[in-house]
């Protein structure tokens, strides 16, 4: 799993969008008018989540979140 990170004008992280691959990270940036900041990957999610670009399920290490 990868993250597209969005910083404010002071350089502080304000959002991290999970994406399933580097190509989805590039696509997310292109679709949202962001500069692609490079590879930010090899992260794990605790629970399953959705890719911010293609909406594919990103499998987390603990599976689906169950209240």
Protein backbone atom coordinates (compact mmCIF):
# COMPACT_ATOMS: atom_id res chain seq x y z
CA UNK A 1 0.00 0.00 0.00
CA UNK A 2 1.12 3.54 -0.75
CA UNK A 3 0.14 7.01 0.44
CA UNK A 4 -0.33 10.23 -1.49
CA UNK A 5 0.53 12.91 1.02
CA UNK A 6 -0.87 16.43 0.91
CA UNK A 7 0.96 19.25 2.70
CA UNK A 8 -0.20 22.76 3.53
CA UNK A 9 1.71 25.91 2.56
CA UNK A 10 3.93 25.57 5.67
CA UNK A 11 4.93 22.04 4.66
CA UNK A 12 2.86 20.31 7.34
CA UNK A 13 1.11 17.07 6.46
CA UNK A 14 -2.64 17.64 6.32
CA UNK A 15 -3.84 14.45 4.61
CA UNK A 16 -2.59 11.01 3.61
CA UNK A 17 -4.64 9.24 0.93
CA UNK A 18 -4.20 5.44 0.80
CA UNK A 19 -3.73 4.02 -2.70
CA UNK A 20 -3.18 0.43 -3.78
CA UNK A 21 -0.18 1.04 -6.05
CA UNK A 22 2.24 3.65 -7.29
CA UNK A 23 0.31 3.91 -10.55
CA UNK A 24 -2.87 4.71 -8.58
CA UNK A 25 -0.89 7.32 -6.65
CA UNK A 26 0.16 8.94 -9.91
CA UNK A 27 -3.42 8.76 -11.21
CA UNK A 28 -4.84 10.27 -8.00
CA UNK A 29 -2.44 13.20 -8.30
CA UNK A 30 -3.27 13.69 -11.97
CA UNK A 31 -7.03 13.54 -11.31
CA UNK A 32 -6.80 16.02 -8.41
CA UNK A 33 -4.33 18.56 -9.81
CA UNK A 34 -1.54 17.59 -7.42
CA UNK A 35 2.16 17.26 -8.12
CA UNK A 36 3.29 13.65 -7.81
CA UNK A 37 5.75 13.67 -4.90
CA UNK A 38 7.34 10.31 -5.58
CA UNK A 39 7.09 6.82 -4.16
CA UNK A 40 5.71 6.58 -0.62
CA UNK A 41 4.93 2.91 -0.22
CA UNK A 42 5.34 -0.35 1.61
CA UNK A 43 2.91 0.62 4.37
CA UNK A 44 0.45 -1.70 6.08
CA UNK A 45 -3.15 -1.01 7.03
CA UNK A 46 -4.52 -2.56 10.21
CA UNK A 47 -7.93 -3.07 8.63
CA UNK A 48 -9.14 -3.34 5.04
CA UNK A 49 -9.56 -0.01 3.28
CA UNK A 50 -10.29 1.38 -0.16
CA UNK A 51 -7.87 2.81 -2.69
CA UNK A 52 -8.38 6.56 -3.01
CA UNK A 53 -7.98 6.29 -6.78
CA UNK A 54 -9.60 3.08 -8.10
CA UNK A 55 -11.69 2.06 -5.04
CA UNK A 56 -10.17 -1.44 -4.94
CA UNK A 57 -10.02 -3.06 -1.52
CA UNK A 58 -6.61 -2.78 0.13
CA UNK A 59 -6.37 -5.78 2.44
CA UNK A 60 -5.34 -4.93 5.99
CA UNK A 61 -3.37 -7.24 8.26
CA UNK A 62 -6.39 -7.76 10.56
CA UNK A 63 -8.98 -8.04 7.79
CA UNK A 64 -12.28 -6.22 7.74
CA UNK A 65 -13.10 -3.82 10.57
CA UNK A 66 -15.90 -5.29 12.67
CA UNK A 67 -17.54 -3.12 15.32
